[in-house]
Amino acid sequence: MMQWKILGITMIVPTVSVALIIAVKSLREKNDEFWINLAVLFWIGGNSFWMLCEFFNHEEIKNYAGIPFIIGMLSVAYFYKKNYL
C-alpha cells in the first residue's frame, strides 16, 4: 500500500481543512454540535499524523497519535454531559 503515499499525503490538507471549516462554522452559529465537529477534527488530525508516521518510518513517535484521539473523546464526552445529563 505504500505506492499510495503521494495520494494519501495530498488528501490530508483538504480533509483537515473541511473539518476545520465545519467546526468553525458550527462554533460561529453557537451550535452545540461544535463539540462533535471538534472531535472529528481531532480524529482526522490523529489519523493524519499516524499515517505520516507510517509513510516516513517514524515508528517511535507513532503512539503520539493517540493524544488527539483522547482529546476527541473528551470533546464528545463534554457534548453528552452538557446536553444529556
Protein backbone atom coordinates (compact mmCIF):
# COMPACT_ATOMS: atom_id res chain seq x y z
CA MET A 1 0.00 0.00 0.00
CA MET A 2 2.98 2.31 0.19
CA GLN A 3 2.56 3.11 -3.51
CA TRP A 4 -0.39 5.29 -2.46
CA LYS A 5 1.84 7.53 -0.32
CA ILE A 6 1.55 10.65 -2.51
CA LEU A 7 -2.23 10.39 -2.78
CA GLY A 8 -2.54 9.80 0.96
CA ILE A 9 -0.43 12.82 1.80
CA THR A 10 -2.28 15.12 -0.59
CA MET A 11 -5.62 14.08 0.92
CA ILE A 12 -4.59 15.38 4.35
CA VAL A 13 -4.80 19.10 3.61
CA PRO A 14 -8.32 19.22 2.10
CA THR A 15 -9.71 16.77 4.66
CA VAL A 16 -8.37 18.69 7.65
CA SER A 17 -9.40 21.97 6.03
CA VAL A 18 -13.02 20.88 5.56
CA ALA A 19 -13.21 19.54 9.12
CA LEU A 20 -11.80 22.84 10.40
CA ILE A 21 -14.28 24.89 8.33
CA ILE A 22 -17.20 22.83 9.65
CA ALA A 23 -16.00 23.18 13.26
CA VAL A 24 -15.53 26.95 12.94
CA LYS A 25 -18.91 27.35 11.24
CA SER A 26 -20.69 25.43 14.00
CA LEU A 27 -18.85 27.50 16.62
CA ARG A 28 -19.93 30.77 14.99
CA GLU A 29 -23.52 29.57 14.80
CA LYS A 30 -23.34 28.67 18.50
CA ASN A 31 -24.36 25.14 17.57
CA ASP A 32 -23.98 22.52 20.31
CA GLU A 33 -22.68 20.07 17.73
CA PHE A 34 -19.45 22.08 17.69
CA TRP A 35 -18.04 19.62 20.22
CA ILE A 36 -18.74 16.69 17.91
CA ASN A 37 -17.24 18.54 14.95
CA LEU A 38 -14.20 19.40 17.07
CA ALA A 39 -13.81 15.71 17.94
CA VAL A 40 -13.94 14.80 14.24
CA LEU A 41 -11.26 17.40 13.55
CA PHE A 42 -9.00 15.91 16.24
CA TRP A 43 -9.63 12.37 14.99
CA ILE A 44 -8.79 13.30 11.41
CA GLY A 45 -5.65 15.05 12.70
CA GLY A 46 -4.66 11.98 14.70
CA ASN A 47 -5.23 9.71 11.70
CA SER A 48 -3.18 12.04 9.51
CA PHE A 49 -0.31 12.08 11.99
CA TRP A 50 -0.37 8.29 12.30
CA MET A 51 -0.44 7.89 8.52
CA LEU A 52 2.53 10.24 8.07
CA CYS A 53 4.48 8.34 10.72
CA GLU A 54 3.77 5.10 8.87
CA PHE A 55 4.76 6.58 5.49
CA PHE A 56 8.04 8.05 6.73
CA ASN A 57 9.01 5.20 9.10
CA HIS A 58 8.78 7.18 12.34
CA GLU A 59 7.53 4.26 14.40
CA GLU A 60 8.96 5.76 17.60
CA ILE A 61 6.52 8.70 17.61
CA LYS A 62 3.50 6.99 16.09
CA ASN A 63 1.91 6.43 19.50
CA TYR A 64 1.55 10.19 19.99
CA ALA A 65 -1.33 9.98 17.52
CA GLY A 66 -3.38 8.76 20.47
CA ILE A 67 -3.36 12.22 22.04
CA PRO A 68 -5.77 13.79 19.51
CA PHE A 69 -7.99 10.71 19.77
CA ILE A 70 -8.23 11.17 23.53
CA ILE A 71 -8.95 14.90 23.13
CA GLY A 72 -11.68 13.99 20.64
CA MET A 73 -13.23 11.53 23.08
CA LEU A 74 -13.16 14.18 25.81
CA SER A 75 -14.88 16.58 23.44
CA VAL A 76 -17.65 14.05 22.76
CA ALA A 77 -17.95 13.30 26.48
CA TYR A 78 -18.37 17.02 27.18
CA PHE A 79 -21.05 17.26 24.49
CA TYR A 80 -23.05 14.40 26.01
CA LYS A 81 -22.56 15.64 29.58
CA LYS A 82 -23.69 19.13 28.61
CA ASN A 83 -26.73 18.02 26.61
CA TYR A 84 -27.95 14.80 28.20
CA LEU A 85 -27.02 14.82 31.88
